[in-house]
Amino acid sequence: MEDQKTGQNLNQFFDLSRRAKELKNASEKLLRRITDETLQLHFTKDHLFHSKYFIFEHVAFTEGDN
């Protein structure tokens, strides 16, 4: 049951078309706060999920790296 819920959450997270639609429909205030980095997100334990996926930003791998 938990694995299925985690899978659904990951699908929502990685669904780029959904993310694009959410940003397209976001308010100007929200977009401004994202852009100027003043947006602070707060999470409750109930809505977090555990996964073994790691998200890397700005990482470059070259041929021969392990």
N, C-alpha and C. Protein backbone atom coordinates (compact mmCIF):
# COMPACT_ATOMS: atom_id res chain seq x y z
N MET A 1 0.83 -1.20 0.00
CA MET A 1 0.00 0.00 0.00
C MET A 1 0.87 1.25 0.00
N GLU A 2 1.85 1.29 0.89
CA GLU A 2 2.71 2.47 0.96
C GLU A 2 3.53 2.64 -0.31
N ASP A 3 4.01 1.52 -0.88
CA ASP A 3 4.78 1.59 -2.12
C ASP A 3 3.93 2.14 -3.26
N GLN A 4 2.66 1.76 -3.31
CA GLN A 4 1.77 2.25 -4.35
C GLN A 4 1.56 3.76 -4.20
N LYS A 5 1.37 4.22 -2.98
CA LYS A 5 1.18 5.66 -2.74
C LYS A 5 2.45 6.43 -3.09
N THR A 6 3.60 5.88 -2.74
CA THR A 6 4.87 6.53 -3.08
C THR A 6 5.02 6.61 -4.59
N GLY A 7 4.67 5.54 -5.28
CA GLY A 7 4.73 5.55 -6.74
C GLY A 7 3.84 6.61 -7.35
N GLN A 8 2.64 6.76 -6.81
CA GLN A 8 1.72 7.79 -7.30
C GLN A 8 2.28 9.19 -7.04
N ASN A 9 2.86 9.40 -5.86
CA ASN A 9 3.45 10.69 -5.55
C ASN A 9 4.62 11.01 -6.46
N LEU A 10 5.45 10.01 -6.74
CA LEU A 10 6.58 10.22 -7.64
C LEU A 10 6.10 10.52 -9.05
N ASN A 11 5.06 9.84 -9.50
CA ASN A 11 4.51 10.12 -10.83
C ASN A 11 4.02 11.56 -10.92
N GLN A 12 3.36 12.04 -9.88
CA GLN A 12 2.92 13.43 -9.87
C GLN A 12 4.10 14.39 -9.90
N PHE A 13 5.12 14.06 -9.14
CA PHE A 13 6.30 14.93 -9.03
C PHE A 13 7.04 15.04 -10.35
N PHE A 14 7.19 13.92 -11.06
CA PHE A 14 7.98 13.90 -12.29
C PHE A 14 7.16 14.13 -13.55
N ASP A 15 5.87 14.35 -13.44
CA ASP A 15 5.01 14.59 -14.61
C ASP A 15 5.23 16.03 -15.09
N LEU A 16 6.07 16.20 -16.11
CA LEU A 16 6.44 17.54 -16.57
C LEU A 16 5.26 18.31 -17.16
N SER A 17 4.35 17.63 -17.85
CA SER A 17 3.21 18.35 -18.41
C SER A 17 2.31 18.89 -17.30
N ARG A 18 2.17 18.12 -16.24
CA ARG A 18 1.38 18.59 -15.09
C ARG A 18 2.06 19.79 -14.44
N ARG A 19 3.39 19.71 -14.28
CA ARG A 19 4.14 20.81 -13.66
C ARG A 19 4.01 22.08 -14.49
N ALA A 20 4.09 21.93 -15.83
CA ALA A 20 3.97 23.09 -16.72
C ALA A 20 2.58 23.72 -16.60
N LYS A 21 1.54 22.89 -16.54
CA LYS A 21 0.18 23.41 -16.39
C LYS A 21 0.02 24.15 -15.07
N GLU A 22 0.60 23.59 -13.99
CA GLU A 22 0.49 24.24 -12.69
C GLU A 22 1.17 25.61 -12.71
N LEU A 23 2.33 25.70 -13.34
CA LEU A 23 3.03 26.98 -13.41
C LEU A 23 2.28 27.97 -14.31
N LYS A 24 1.71 27.46 -15.40
CA LYS A 24 0.96 28.32 -16.31
C LYS A 24 -0.25 28.93 -15.61
N ASN A 25 -0.87 28.18 -14.71
CA ASN A 25 -2.06 28.63 -14.01
C ASN A 25 -1.77 29.28 -12.66
N ALA A 26 -0.50 29.39 -12.30
CA ALA A 26 -0.14 29.96 -11.00
C ALA A 26 -0.38 31.47 -10.99
N SER A 27 -0.61 31.98 -9.80
CA SER A 27 -0.83 33.42 -9.67
C SER A 27 0.47 34.19 -9.88
N GLU A 28 0.35 35.45 -10.25
CA GLU A 28 1.54 36.30 -10.44
C GLU A 28 2.34 36.41 -9.15
N LYS A 29 1.63 36.48 -8.02
CA LYS A 29 2.32 36.59 -6.73
C LYS A 29 3.17 35.35 -6.47
N LEU A 30 2.63 34.18 -6.72
CA LEU A 30 3.38 32.94 -6.50
C LEU A 30 4.60 32.89 -7.41
N LEU A 31 4.41 33.20 -8.70
CA LEU A 31 5.53 33.19 -9.64
C LEU A 31 6.61 34.19 -9.24
N ARG A 32 6.21 35.36 -8.79
CA ARG A 32 7.17 36.37 -8.35
C ARG A 32 7.97 35.87 -7.15
N ARG A 33 7.30 35.23 -6.20
CA ARG A 33 7.99 34.72 -5.00
C ARG A 33 8.92 33.57 -5.34
N ILE A 34 8.57 32.75 -6.32
CA ILE A 34 9.48 31.70 -6.77
C ILE A 34 10.71 32.34 -7.40
N THR A 35 10.48 33.33 -8.26
CA THR A 35 11.57 33.98 -8.98
C THR A 35 12.51 34.73 -8.05
N ASP A 36 11.97 35.47 -7.09
CA ASP A 36 12.84 36.24 -6.21
C ASP A 36 13.30 35.46 -4.98
N GLU A 37 12.94 34.16 -4.95
CA GLU A 37 13.38 33.23 -3.90
C GLU A 37 12.92 33.61 -2.50
N THR A 38 11.74 34.23 -2.41
CA THR A 38 11.17 34.54 -1.10
C THR A 38 10.11 33.53 -0.68
N LEU A 39 9.79 32.58 -1.54
CA LEU A 39 8.79 31.57 -1.23
C LEU A 39 9.38 30.55 -0.26
N GLN A 40 8.68 30.31 0.82
CA GLN A 40 9.11 29.31 1.80
C GLN A 40 8.03 28.23 1.86
N LEU A 41 8.44 26.99 1.69
CA LEU A 41 7.51 25.88 1.73
C LEU A 41 7.60 25.19 3.08
N HIS A 42 6.47 24.83 3.62
CA HIS A 42 6.42 24.11 4.89
C HIS A 42 5.62 22.83 4.66
N PHE A 43 6.14 21.73 5.17
CA PHE A 43 5.51 20.43 4.96
C PHE A 43 5.12 19.83 6.29
N THR A 44 4.05 19.06 6.25
CA THR A 44 3.69 18.28 7.42
C THR A 44 4.09 16.84 7.16
N LYS A 45 4.28 16.11 8.20
CA LYS A 45 4.68 14.70 8.08
C LYS A 45 3.66 13.90 7.27
N ASP A 46 2.41 14.25 7.36
CA ASP A 46 1.35 13.49 6.68
C ASP A 46 1.50 13.50 5.17
N HIS A 47 2.06 14.55 4.61
CA HIS A 47 2.12 14.68 3.16
C HIS A 47 3.48 14.36 2.57
N LEU A 48 4.42 13.97 3.39
CA LEU A 48 5.73 13.57 2.89
C LEU A 48 5.72 12.09 2.51
N PHE A 49 6.59 11.69 1.63
CA PHE A 49 6.69 10.28 1.27
C PHE A 49 8.15 9.89 1.17
N HIS A 50 8.40 8.64 1.41
CA HIS A 50 9.76 8.11 1.37
C HIS A 50 10.01 7.47 0.02
N SER A 51 11.16 7.76 -0.54
CA SER A 51 11.54 7.09 -1.78
C SER A 51 13.05 6.93 -1.79
N LYS A 52 13.51 6.14 -2.70
CA LYS A 52 14.94 5.94 -2.86
C LYS A 52 15.46 6.75 -4.05
N TYR A 53 14.67 7.69 -4.52
CA TYR A 53 15.09 8.56 -5.61
C TYR A 53 15.83 9.76 -5.04
N PHE A 54 16.89 10.14 -5.71
CA PHE A 54 17.66 11.31 -5.32
C PHE A 54 17.61 12.29 -6.48
N ILE A 55 17.36 13.53 -6.18
CA ILE A 55 17.25 14.56 -7.21
C ILE A 55 18.55 15.35 -7.21
N PHE A 56 19.20 15.37 -8.36
CA PHE A 56 20.44 16.12 -8.52
C PHE A 56 20.17 17.31 -9.43
N GLU A 57 20.62 18.48 -9.01
CA GLU A 57 20.52 19.66 -9.84
C GLU A 57 21.91 20.12 -10.20
N HIS A 58 22.07 20.53 -11.44
CA HIS A 58 23.33 21.10 -11.91
C HIS A 58 24.49 20.12 -11.74
N VAL A 59 24.26 18.87 -12.07
CA VAL A 59 25.30 17.85 -11.98
C VAL A 59 25.61 17.38 -13.40
N ALA A 60 26.87 17.37 -13.74
CA ALA A 60 27.28 16.89 -15.05
C ALA A 60 28.10 15.62 -14.90
N PHE A 61 27.74 14.61 -15.65
CA PHE A 61 28.48 13.37 -15.67
C PHE A 61 29.18 13.26 -17.01
N THR A 62 30.44 12.91 -16.97
CA THR A 62 31.18 12.74 -18.21
C THR A 62 31.50 11.27 -18.40
N GLU A 63 31.84 10.91 -19.61
CA GLU A 63 32.15 9.52 -19.93
C GLU A 63 33.32 9.05 -19.05
N GLY A 64 33.16 7.91 -18.45
CA GLY A 64 34.19 7.37 -17.59
C GLY A 64 33.90 7.56 -16.11
N ASP A 65 32.94 8.44 -15.78
CA ASP A 65 32.55 8.59 -14.37
C ASP A 65 31.78 7.37 -13.92
N ASN A 66 31.96 6.97 -12.69
CA ASN A 66 31.24 5.83 -12.16
C ASN A 66 30.11 6.29 -11.30
